[in-house]
Each structure stands twice: as C-alpha cells, then as structure tokens.
Amino acid sequence: MKKMISLALMAITLLPTATLAQEEQETPEIELVKESDFKAYVQADLISHYMWRGIDMGGISIQPQAGISWKGLSLTAFGNAGFDKDDPQEFDLTLGYAKSFGKWDLNVGITDYWATGTDPENRYFYYNEKETPHQLEANLGFTCQYFSLQAYTMFWGNDFKINGDRAYSTYLELSVPFRAGGLDWDARIGVTPMESAGYVTYHTEQGLQGDIEIEDRHYFYGEGFTCNVASIRATKNLQYKNLRLPVFAEIHTNPYLKKANFMVGISVITF
C-alpha cells in the first residue's frame, strides 16, 4: 500500500513537468525577426556653417539624425535648425537599400526633402505638386575601398526650370577617402550635367534714359554643365565609452559661383 501511495505521489509531482515539456515541444518559440538583424543610431552634429552641394544653407546649425537598418534596408531622418531665425529649418526622410557584390557596394534610395521658406505657410503635409515645398529625389551609387560615385535626380515636387518645365535637377558626386597624418580625409568633387531648377528676380539700375529693370536668373545647381563642389574634409575620430565623437574641418568651394567656405564641426554618435 505504501508503495502504491509513493508511486501516485511521484506521478502527481512529475505530471506538470511532463505536461510543460510536451507543450514546449508542441509549441516551439518562433522568432520572426532577430534583434541582432537590426542596427540603429542617433547622432547630433554642431557645425559652424551649413553647406550642401555648394549651396549656402545658413550659419551655425544643429543637425539631429537618426536611422535604423535591417538586412540592407534603412530608414533615416535628418534635420537642420540654424541658430539664426532666418535660416531655413529642414526635415528630410530617406528610404534606402544597400547590397554588397564582392568588393563593390550598390546603394539605391529615395529622399523626401522639406524646408521652410518655399511655402508661405511652411506647411509640411501639403502635396500639391506645383506648389508643395517637398522635393523627391532618387539616388543610385557604387562604393568600393577606393572611391564612391553617387548620382542624385529630383523627380517630383518643387523642382522646375525658369520656363516652368520639370527640371529633373541632377547632381553627380565622386568621393575619394584616404588616411594621412593620423586623420581620415575625404576629397569630393560634384557636378551637374544640365540646367537645374531656377527662378527669376528683378532689380532696378539707373540708365541714361531712366531706370532700367534688370533680370537676374538664379539656379539650384547651375545653368548647364557646371562644377558645384570641390571640397576636402579632415576628420579625427574620438571615442568615449559608447559614444563616437568625430571632429572635422572642411574647405568647401563652389567653382561655379566662385565661392569658398571653411567650416568645422563635431558629431555625437551613439552606437
């Protein structure tokens, strides 16, 4: 009798464990997405001057960035806020994809640019193609150990020639990285192959027979094939715990506009 009671108690004790083991076998845990497949970063830049593709975008600025990627697919947000209240405020979103082919990396993407100053009311959720402040741009590029070649073309939104036609403003950039003197260097040259978006303003000059109205044409990149950027940047990468702190200095010139600018900046990047 005692033996039977002992066996019964043992069976009762082991029953939950056996049932749990059976349930675990019948309903295995399915992990659809591994957390290790995701990569994310948050970054903030402080720069002395904001130059973009040879265009003067303002003075001292704060530029927050954040991005997430999964198996080559990425989504990045970029912002710019100038210390001067008259500087445009900017918010850009980029959806991209990158794939490695041996020693070559291919990247494609679409960027939605938005900045204040185009729409009188500075509306973000305003998508009338003829009046929207948004610009959509497609990007295709190749990168290897020795250089990066990128092509960018606007295809929707605020991008029209002076005559009103769609401009398809295009920018091509060659970047060559190298290391020297304990610093990471990056030399860039950027060109536009054709007339880009533009607009007209007028000013008055005094002539022999009275005032003369003069037409001034302004172009986003240039009026034809032009060199918009010739720049070189030196970066010193510092690190503190889980923060990366690159400090850079850059000479940024626009040969087309005959302008040059020297700027410095620091980034704070979490990783």
C-alpha atoms as a PDB file:
ATOM      1  CA  MET A   1       0.000   0.000   0.000  1.00  0.00           C
ATOM      2  CA  LYS A   2       2.774   2.409   0.914  1.00  0.00           C
ATOM      3  CA  LYS A   3       4.470   1.579  -2.349  1.00  0.00           C
ATOM      4  CA  MET A   4       1.354   2.431  -4.327  1.00  0.00           C
ATOM      5  CA  ILE A   5       0.949   5.758  -2.477  1.00  0.00           C
ATOM      6  CA  SER A   6       4.595   6.643  -3.201  1.00  0.00           C
ATOM      7  CA  LEU A   7       4.169   5.913  -6.895  1.00  0.00           C
ATOM      8  CA  ALA A   8       0.995   8.023  -7.011  1.00  0.00           C
ATOM      9  CA  LEU A   9       2.700  10.980  -5.355  1.00  0.00           C
ATOM     10  CA  MET A  10       5.630  10.687  -7.756  1.00  0.00           C
ATOM     11  CA  ALA A  11       3.268  10.684 -10.746  1.00  0.00           C
ATOM     12  CA  ILE A  12       1.449  13.783  -9.459  1.00  0.00           C
ATOM     13  CA  THR A  13       4.781  15.577  -8.923  1.00  0.00           C
ATOM     14  CA  LEU A  14       6.119  14.796 -12.386  1.00  0.00           C
ATOM     15  CA  LEU A  15       2.874  15.403 -14.286  1.00  0.00           C
ATOM     16  CA  PRO A  16       3.140  19.234 -14.550  1.00  0.00           C
ATOM     17  CA  THR A  17       6.774  18.987 -15.654  1.00  0.00           C
ATOM     18  CA  ALA A  18       5.953  16.394 -18.299  1.00  0.00           C
ATOM     19  CA  THR A  19       2.962  18.416 -19.480  1.00  0.00           C
ATOM     20  CA  LEU A  20       5.062  21.585 -19.691  1.00  0.00           C
ATOM     21  CA  ALA A  21       7.789  19.766 -21.629  1.00  0.00           C
ATOM     22  CA  GLN A  22       5.164  18.421 -24.013  1.00  0.00           C
ATOM     23  CA  GLU A  23       3.685  21.903 -24.519  1.00  0.00           C
ATOM     24  CA  GLU A  24       7.146  23.326 -25.238  1.00  0.00           C
ATOM     25  CA  GLN A  25       7.733  20.634 -27.833  1.00  0.00           C
ATOM     26  CA  GLU A  26       4.339  21.128 -29.430  1.00  0.00           C
ATOM     27  CA  THR A  27       4.540  24.971 -29.492  1.00  0.00           C
ATOM     28  CA  PRO A  28       8.158  25.891 -30.172  1.00  0.00           C
ATOM     29  CA  GLU A  29       9.069  29.587 -29.962  1.00  0.00           C
ATOM     30  CA  ILE A  30       9.179  31.167 -33.400  1.00  0.00           C
ATOM     31  CA  GLU A  31      11.397  34.262 -33.732  1.00  0.00           C
ATOM     32  CA  LEU A  32      10.342  36.030 -36.939  1.00  0.00           C
ATOM     33  CA  VAL A  33      12.943  38.789 -36.701  1.00  0.00           C
ATOM     34  CA  LYS A  34      16.172  38.543 -34.783  1.00  0.00           C
ATOM     35  CA  GLU A  35      17.026  41.629 -32.785  1.00  0.00           C
ATOM     36  CA  SER A  36      20.629  41.290 -33.942  1.00  0.00           C
ATOM     37  CA  ASP A  37      19.488  41.919 -37.534  1.00  0.00           C
ATOM     38  CA  PHE A  38      18.538  45.481 -36.589  1.00  0.00           C
ATOM     39  CA  LYS A  39      21.044  48.303 -36.334  1.00  0.00           C
ATOM     40  CA  ALA A  40      20.205  51.786 -35.139  1.00  0.00           C
ATOM     41  CA  TYR A  41      21.997  55.021 -34.331  1.00  0.00           C
ATOM     42  CA  VAL A  42      21.282  58.506 -33.051  1.00  0.00           C
ATOM     43  CA  GLN A  43      23.523  61.395 -33.997  1.00  0.00           C
ATOM     44  CA  ALA A  44      23.735  65.144 -33.402  1.00  0.00           C
ATOM     45  CA  ASP A  45      26.072  67.493 -35.277  1.00  0.00           C
ATOM     46  CA  LEU A  46      27.104  71.025 -34.397  1.00  0.00           C
ATOM     47  CA  ILE A  47      28.544  72.823 -37.433  1.00  0.00           C
ATOM     48  CA  SER A  48      29.895  76.343 -37.937  1.00  0.00           C
ATOM     49  CA  HIS A  49      28.286  76.686 -41.380  1.00  0.00           C
ATOM     50  CA  TYR A  50      25.797  74.599 -43.345  1.00  0.00           C
ATOM     51  CA  MET A  51      26.959  73.986 -46.914  1.00  0.00           C
ATOM     52  CA  TRP A  52      25.123  71.432 -49.076  1.00  0.00           C
ATOM     53  CA  ARG A  53      26.266  70.576 -52.620  1.00  0.00           C
ATOM     54  CA  GLY A  54      27.835  74.002 -52.961  1.00  0.00           C
ATOM     55  CA  ILE A  55      24.712  75.793 -51.734  1.00  0.00           C
ATOM     56  CA  ASP A  56      24.930  78.088 -48.715  1.00  0.00           C
ATOM     57  CA  MET A  57      22.166  76.865 -46.388  1.00  0.00           C
ATOM     58  CA  GLY A  58      22.935  79.026 -43.355  1.00  0.00           C
ATOM     59  CA  GLY A  59      25.294  79.666 -40.454  1.00  0.00           C
ATOM     60  CA  ILE A  60      25.859  77.818 -37.190  1.00  0.00           C
ATOM     61  CA  SER A  61      23.451  74.900 -37.078  1.00  0.00           C
ATOM     62  CA  ILE A  62      22.369  71.872 -35.076  1.00  0.00           C
ATOM     63  CA  GLN A  63      21.688  68.768 -37.187  1.00  0.00           C
ATOM     64  CA  PRO A  64      19.968  65.819 -35.472  1.00  0.00           C
ATOM     65  CA  GLN A  65      19.950  62.456 -37.250  1.00  0.00           C
ATOM     66  CA  ALA A  66      18.563  59.021 -36.505  1.00  0.00           C
ATOM     67  CA  GLY A  67      18.483  55.827 -38.523  1.00  0.00           C
ATOM     68  CA  ILE A  68      17.519  52.180 -38.401  1.00  0.00           C
ATOM     69  CA  SER A  69      18.518  49.392 -40.777  1.00  0.00           C
ATOM     70  CA  TRP A  70      17.599  45.758 -41.314  1.00  0.00           C
ATOM     71  CA  LYS A  71      19.400  43.473 -43.757  1.00  0.00           C
ATOM     72  CA  GLY A  72      20.388  46.335 -46.069  1.00  0.00           C
ATOM     73  CA  LEU A  73      17.100  48.210 -45.842  1.00  0.00           C
ATOM     74  CA  SER A  74      17.323  51.522 -43.983  1.00  0.00           C
ATOM     75  CA  LEU A  75      15.229  54.489 -42.925  1.00  0.00           C
ATOM     76  CA  THR A  76      16.985  57.715 -41.950  1.00  0.00           C
ATOM     77  CA  ALA A  77      15.714  61.031 -40.612  1.00  0.00           C
ATOM     78  CA  PHE A  78      17.754  64.242 -40.839  1.00  0.00           C
ATOM     79  CA  GLY A  79      17.015  67.705 -39.528  1.00  0.00           C
ATOM     80  CA  ASN A  80      18.644  71.101 -39.552  1.00  0.00           C
ATOM     81  CA  ALA A  81      17.967  74.074 -37.303  1.00  0.00           C
ATOM     82  CA  GLY A  82      20.051  77.211 -37.683  1.00  0.00           C
ATOM     83  CA  PHE A  83      20.936  79.499 -34.785  1.00  0.00           C
ATOM     84  CA  ASP A  84      19.787  82.437 -36.928  1.00  0.00           C
ATOM     85  CA  LYS A  85      15.991  82.643 -37.009  1.00  0.00           C
ATOM     86  CA  ASP A  86      16.146  83.499 -40.734  1.00  0.00           C
ATOM     87  CA  ASP A  87      17.929  80.250 -41.617  1.00  0.00           C
ATOM     88  CA  PRO A  88      15.628  77.601 -43.115  1.00  0.00           C
ATOM     89  CA  GLN A  89      14.508  74.703 -40.945  1.00  0.00           C
ATOM     90  CA  GLU A  90      14.886  71.331 -42.667  1.00  0.00           C
ATOM     91  CA  PHE A  91      13.460  67.828 -42.229  1.00  0.00           C
ATOM     92  CA  ASP A  92      14.424  65.004 -44.616  1.00  0.00           C
ATOM     93  CA  LEU A  93      13.489  61.324 -44.751  1.00  0.00           C
ATOM     94  CA  THR A  94      15.453  58.744 -46.737  1.00  0.00           C
ATOM     95  CA  LEU A  95      14.451  55.165 -47.532  1.00  0.00           C
ATOM     96  CA  GLY A  96      17.420  53.215 -48.849  1.00  0.00           C
ATOM     97  CA  TYR A  97      18.747  49.779 -49.671  1.00  0.00           C
ATOM     98  CA  ALA A  98      22.373  48.628 -49.878  1.00  0.00           C
ATOM     99  CA  LYS A  99      23.766  45.338 -51.209  1.00  0.00           C
ATOM    100  CA  SER A 100      27.313  44.048 -51.394  1.00  0.00           C
ATOM    101  CA  PHE A 101      28.686  42.362 -54.516  1.00  0.00           C
ATOM    102  CA  GLY A 102      32.166  41.229 -53.612  1.00  0.00           C
ATOM    103  CA  LYS A 103      34.304  44.341 -53.199  1.00  0.00           C
ATOM    104  CA  TRP A 104      31.537  46.603 -54.527  1.00  0.00           C
ATOM    105  CA  ASP A 105      28.574  48.002 -52.642  1.00  0.00           C
ATOM    106  CA  LEU A 106      25.445  49.108 -54.509  1.00  0.00           C
ATOM    107  CA  ASN A 107      23.043  51.545 -52.912  1.00  0.00           C
ATOM    108  CA  VAL A 108      19.692  52.958 -54.039  1.00  0.00           C
ATOM    109  CA  GLY A 109      17.313  55.270 -52.252  1.00  0.00           C
ATOM    110  CA  ILE A 110      14.585  57.892 -52.276  1.00  0.00           C
ATOM    111  CA  THR A 111      14.745  61.072 -50.195  1.00  0.00           C
ATOM    112  CA  ASP A 112      11.942  63.443 -49.296  1.00  0.00           C
ATOM    113  CA  TYR A 113      13.401  66.930 -48.714  1.00  0.00           C
ATOM    114  CA  TRP A 114      11.389  69.578 -46.895  1.00  0.00           C
ATOM    115  CA  ALA A 115      12.459  73.029 -45.723  1.00  0.00           C
ATOM    116  CA  THR A 116      10.849  76.247 -44.631  1.00  0.00           C
ATOM    117  CA  GLY A 117      10.905  79.291 -46.868  1.00  0.00           C
ATOM    118  CA  THR A 118       9.295  77.823 -50.003  1.00  0.00           C
ATOM    119  CA  ASP A 119       5.681  77.663 -48.884  1.00  0.00           C
ATOM    120  CA  PRO A 120       4.487  80.954 -47.281  1.00  0.00           C
ATOM    121  CA  GLU A 121       2.727  78.966 -44.552  1.00  0.00           C
ATOM    122  CA  ASN A 122       5.572  76.447 -44.157  1.00  0.00           C
ATOM    123  CA  ARG A 123       3.166  73.510 -44.333  1.00  0.00           C
ATOM    124  CA  TYR A 124       4.608  70.013 -44.157  1.00  0.00           C
ATOM    125  CA  PHE A 125       1.518  67.999 -45.072  1.00  0.00           C
ATOM    126  CA  TYR A 126       0.951  69.825 -48.350  1.00  0.00           C
ATOM    127  CA  TYR A 127       1.446  67.795 -51.529  1.00  0.00           C
ATOM    128  CA  ASN A 128       0.138  69.865 -54.446  1.00  0.00           C
ATOM    129  CA  GLU A 129       2.865  69.054 -56.982  1.00  0.00           C
ATOM    130  CA  LYS A 130       3.036  72.576 -58.433  1.00  0.00           C
ATOM    131  CA  GLU A 131       3.184  74.309 -55.051  1.00  0.00           C
ATOM    132  CA  THR A 132       4.497  71.819 -52.497  1.00  0.00           C
ATOM    133  CA  PRO A 133       7.733  72.649 -50.668  1.00  0.00           C
ATOM    134  CA  HIS A 134       8.687  68.941 -50.813  1.00  0.00           C
ATOM    135  CA  GLN A 135      11.259  67.568 -53.251  1.00  0.00           C
ATOM    136  CA  LEU A 136      11.555  63.863 -54.003  1.00  0.00           C
ATOM    137  CA  GLU A 137      14.948  62.645 -55.163  1.00  0.00           C
ATOM    138  CA  ALA A 138      16.172  59.245 -56.374  1.00  0.00           C
ATOM    139  CA  ASN A 139      19.718  58.083 -55.685  1.00  0.00           C
ATOM    140  CA  LEU A 140      21.935  55.398 -57.201  1.00  0.00           C
ATOM    141  CA  GLY A 141      25.520  54.800 -56.162  1.00  0.00           C
ATOM    142  CA  PHE A 142      28.528  52.484 -56.150  1.00  0.00           C
ATOM    143  CA  THR A 143      31.133  52.308 -53.393  1.00  0.00           C
ATOM    144  CA  CYS A 144      34.403  50.431 -53.089  1.00  0.00           C
ATOM    145  CA  GLN A 145      37.520  50.701 -50.959  1.00  0.00           C
ATOM    146  CA  TYR A 146      38.981  53.484 -53.071  1.00  0.00           C
ATOM    147  CA  PHE A 147      36.073  55.729 -54.045  1.00  0.00           C
ATOM    148  CA  SER A 148      32.315  56.321 -54.006  1.00  0.00           C
ATOM    149  CA  LEU A 149      30.304  57.511 -57.011  1.00  0.00           C
ATOM    150  CA  GLN A 150      26.757  58.757 -56.413  1.00  0.00           C
ATOM    151  CA  ALA A 151      24.033  60.118 -58.712  1.00  0.00           C
ATOM    152  CA  TYR A 152      21.004  62.077 -57.489  1.00  0.00           C
ATOM    153  CA  THR A 153      17.975  63.246 -59.520  1.00  0.00           C
ATOM    154  CA  MET A 154      14.913  65.194 -58.381  1.00  0.00           C
ATOM    155  CA  PHE A 155      11.757  63.754 -59.930  1.00  0.00           C
ATOM    156  CA  TRP A 156       8.778  65.270 -58.070  1.00  0.00           C
ATOM    157  CA  GLY A 157       7.789  68.383 -56.192  1.00  0.00           C
ATOM    158  CA  ASN A 158       9.460  71.771 -56.054  1.00  0.00           C
ATOM    159  CA  ASP A 159      11.854  71.330 -58.983  1.00  0.00           C
ATOM    160  CA  PHE A 160      11.066  73.447 -62.063  1.00  0.00           C
ATOM    161  CA  LYS A 161      13.137  75.275 -64.635  1.00  0.00           C
ATOM    162  CA  ILE A 162      12.753  79.007 -65.144  1.00  0.00           C
ATOM    163  CA  ASN A 163      10.493  78.298 -68.159  1.00  0.00           C
ATOM    164  CA  GLY A 164       8.195  76.183 -65.954  1.00  0.00           C
ATOM    165  CA  ASP A 165       9.228  72.730 -67.243  1.00  0.00           C
ATOM    166  CA  ARG A 166      10.154  69.892 -64.889  1.00  0.00           C
ATOM    167  CA  ALA A 167      13.908  70.310 -64.275  1.00  0.00           C
ATOM    168  CA  TYR A 168      14.965  66.852 -63.063  1.00  0.00           C
ATOM    169  CA  SER A 169      17.831  68.589 -61.267  1.00  0.00           C
ATOM    170  CA  THR A 170      20.736  66.140 -61.224  1.00  0.00           C
ATOM    171  CA  TYR A 171      23.880  66.073 -59.137  1.00  0.00           C
ATOM    172  CA  LEU A 172      26.833  63.674 -59.552  1.00  0.00           C
ATOM    173  CA  GLU A 173      29.495  63.316 -56.867  1.00  0.00           C
ATOM    174  CA  LEU A 174      32.818  61.483 -56.668  1.00  0.00           C
ATOM    175  CA  SER A 175      34.271  60.952 -53.204  1.00  0.00           C
ATOM    176  CA  VAL A 176      37.771  59.621 -52.511  1.00  0.00           C
ATOM    177  CA  PRO A 177      38.642  58.678 -48.902  1.00  0.00           C
ATOM    178  CA  PHE A 178      42.217  58.301 -47.662  1.00  0.00           C
ATOM    179  CA  ARG A 179      44.188  58.407 -44.438  1.00  0.00           C
ATOM    180  CA  ALA A 180      47.156  60.649 -43.740  1.00  0.00           C
ATOM    181  CA  GLY A 181      48.768  62.195 -40.694  1.00  0.00           C
ATOM    182  CA  GLY A 182      46.562  60.247 -38.308  1.00  0.00           C
ATOM    183  CA  LEU A 183      43.402  61.777 -39.816  1.00  0.00           C
ATOM    184  CA  ASP A 184      40.675  60.427 -42.079  1.00  0.00           C
ATOM    185  CA  TRP A 185      40.368  62.538 -45.243  1.00  0.00           C
ATOM    186  CA  ASP A 186      37.642  62.804 -47.839  1.00  0.00           C
ATOM    187  CA  ALA A 187      38.098  64.660 -51.147  1.00  0.00           C
ATOM    188  CA  ARG A 188      34.935  65.360 -53.176  1.00  0.00           C
ATOM    189  CA  ILE A 189      34.007  66.824 -56.493  1.00  0.00           C
ATOM    190  CA  GLY A 190      30.402  67.380 -57.556  1.00  0.00           C
ATOM    191  CA  VAL A 191      28.922  68.426 -60.891  1.00  0.00           C
ATOM    192  CA  THR A 192      25.561  68.951 -62.508  1.00  0.00           C
ATOM    193  CA  PRO A 193      25.325  67.809 -66.156  1.00  0.00           C
ATOM    194  CA  MET A 194      22.475  70.096 -67.252  1.00  0.00           C
ATOM    195  CA  GLU A 195      20.314  73.080 -66.390  1.00  0.00           C
ATOM    196  CA  SER A 196      18.734  72.681 -62.962  1.00  0.00           C
ATOM    197  CA  ALA A 197      15.728  74.268 -61.303  1.00  0.00           C
ATOM    198  CA  GLY A 198      15.756  78.033 -61.110  1.00  0.00           C
ATOM    199  CA  TYR A 199      13.846  81.244 -60.571  1.00  0.00           C
ATOM    200  CA  VAL A 200      13.992  84.894 -61.659  1.00  0.00           C
ATOM    201  CA  THR A 201      14.245  88.095 -59.620  1.00  0.00           C
ATOM    202  CA  TYR A 202      14.484  91.685 -60.838  1.00  0.00           C
ATOM    203  CA  HIS A 203      16.390  94.746 -59.723  1.00  0.00           C
ATOM    204  CA  THR A 204      16.475  98.311 -60.963  1.00  0.00           C
ATOM    205  CA  GLU A 205      19.525 100.185 -62.220  1.00  0.00           C
ATOM    206  CA  GLN A 206      19.902 103.789 -63.238  1.00  0.00           C
ATOM    207  CA  GLY A 207      20.339 104.231 -67.020  1.00  0.00           C
ATOM    208  CA  LEU A 208      20.898 107.195 -69.300  1.00  0.00           C
ATOM    209  CA  GLN A 209      17.185 107.359 -70.045  1.00  0.00           C
ATOM    210  CA  GLY A 210      15.921 106.481 -66.578  1.00  0.00           C
ATOM    211  CA  ASP A 211      15.568 103.351 -64.504  1.00  0.00           C
ATOM    212  CA  ILE A 212      16.178 100.007 -66.209  1.00  0.00           C
ATOM    213  CA  GLU A 213      14.725  96.762 -64.859  1.00  0.00           C
ATOM    214  CA  ILE A 214      17.359  94.003 -64.897  1.00  0.00           C
ATOM    215  CA  GLU A 215      16.502  90.288 -64.831  1.00  0.00           C
ATOM    216  CA  ASP A 216      18.524  88.075 -62.505  1.00  0.00           C
ATOM    217  CA  ARG A 217      18.460  84.310 -63.021  1.00  0.00           C
ATOM    218  CA  HIS A 218      19.178  82.008 -60.091  1.00  0.00           C
ATOM    219  CA  TYR A 219      19.810  78.271 -60.441  1.00  0.00           C
ATOM    220  CA  PHE A 220      19.574  75.475 -57.903  1.00  0.00           C
ATOM    221  CA  TYR A 221      22.818  73.920 -59.195  1.00  0.00           C
ATOM    222  CA  GLY A 222      23.702  75.657 -62.463  1.00  0.00           C
ATOM    223  CA  GLU A 223      22.548  76.785 -65.899  1.00  0.00           C
ATOM    224  CA  GLY A 224      24.250  73.860 -67.681  1.00  0.00           C
ATOM    225  CA  PHE A 225      27.192  71.562 -67.067  1.00  0.00           C
ATOM    226  CA  THR A 226      28.917  73.098 -64.059  1.00  0.00           C
ATOM    227  CA  CYS A 227      31.166  72.100 -61.173  1.00  0.00           C
ATOM    228  CA  ASN A 228      29.280  72.839 -57.965  1.00  0.00           C
ATOM    229  CA  VAL A 229      31.575  71.330 -55.364  1.00  0.00           C
ATOM    230  CA  ALA A 230      35.286  70.884 -54.821  1.00  0.00           C
ATOM    231  CA  SER A 231      35.920  70.105 -51.167  1.00  0.00           C
ATOM    232  CA  ILE A 232      38.240  68.327 -48.796  1.00  0.00           C
ATOM    233  CA  ARG A 233      37.472  67.304 -45.224  1.00  0.00           C
ATOM    234  CA  ALA A 234      39.754  66.063 -42.432  1.00  0.00           C
ATOM    235  CA  THR A 235      38.226  64.098 -39.547  1.00  0.00           C
ATOM    236  CA  LYS A 236      39.642  63.000 -36.214  1.00  0.00           C
ATOM    237  CA  ASN A 237      37.590  60.177 -34.718  1.00  0.00           C
ATOM    238  CA  LEU A 238      37.422  60.306 -30.925  1.00  0.00           C
ATOM    239  CA  GLN A 239      35.569  57.872 -28.694  1.00  0.00           C
ATOM    240  CA  TYR A 240      34.213  57.982 -25.152  1.00  0.00           C
ATOM    241  CA  LYS A 241      32.555  54.822 -23.801  1.00  0.00           C
ATOM    242  CA  ASN A 242      29.625  54.107 -26.180  1.00  0.00           C
ATOM    243  CA  LEU A 243      29.858  57.487 -27.923  1.00  0.00           C
ATOM    244  CA  ARG A 244      31.799  58.296 -31.080  1.00  0.00           C
ATOM    245  CA  LEU A 245      32.872  61.937 -31.359  1.00  0.00           C
ATOM    246  CA  PRO A 246      34.236  62.795 -34.818  1.00  0.00           C
ATOM    247  CA  VAL A 247      35.658  66.311 -35.102  1.00  0.00           C
ATOM    248  CA  PHE A 248      36.101  67.672 -38.627  1.00  0.00           C
ATOM    249  CA  ALA A 249      37.336  70.671 -40.584  1.00  0.00           C
ATOM    250  CA  GLU A 250      36.395  71.218 -44.218  1.00  0.00           C
ATOM    251  CA  ILE A 251      37.218  73.549 -47.087  1.00  0.00           C
ATOM    252  CA  HIS A 252      34.053  73.677 -49.200  1.00  0.00           C
ATOM    253  CA  THR A 253      34.127  75.551 -52.505  1.00  0.00           C
ATOM    254  CA  ASN A 254      31.682  76.152 -55.366  1.00  0.00           C
ATOM    255  CA  PRO A 255      33.710  76.875 -58.531  1.00  0.00           C
ATOM    256  CA  TYR A 256      30.543  77.748 -60.471  1.00  0.00           C
ATOM    257  CA  LEU A 257      29.585  80.519 -58.040  1.00  0.00           C
ATOM    258  CA  LYS A 258      33.249  81.341 -57.319  1.00  0.00           C
ATOM    259  CA  LYS A 259      32.687  80.958 -53.575  1.00  0.00           C
ATOM    260  CA  ALA A 260      34.568  79.214 -50.785  1.00  0.00           C
ATOM    261  CA  ASN A 261      33.892  78.462 -47.142  1.00  0.00           C
ATOM    262  CA  PHE A 262      35.892  76.997 -44.285  1.00  0.00           C
ATOM    263  CA  MET A 263      33.850  75.203 -41.639  1.00  0.00           C
ATOM    264  CA  VAL A 264      34.334  72.996 -38.604  1.00  0.00           C
ATOM    265  CA  GLY A 265      32.035  70.702 -36.688  1.00  0.00           C
ATOM    266  CA  ILE A 266      31.654  67.942 -34.152  1.00  0.00           C
ATOM    267  CA  SER A 267      29.329  64.944 -34.103  1.00  0.00           C
ATOM    268  CA  VAL A 268      27.986  62.927 -31.188  1.00  0.00           C
ATOM    269  CA  ILE A 269      27.026  59.404 -32.316  1.00  0.00           C
ATOM    270  CA  THR A 270      25.621  56.600 -30.183  1.00  0.00           C
ATOM    271  CA  PHE A 271      26.368  53.014 -31.185  1.00  0.00           C
END
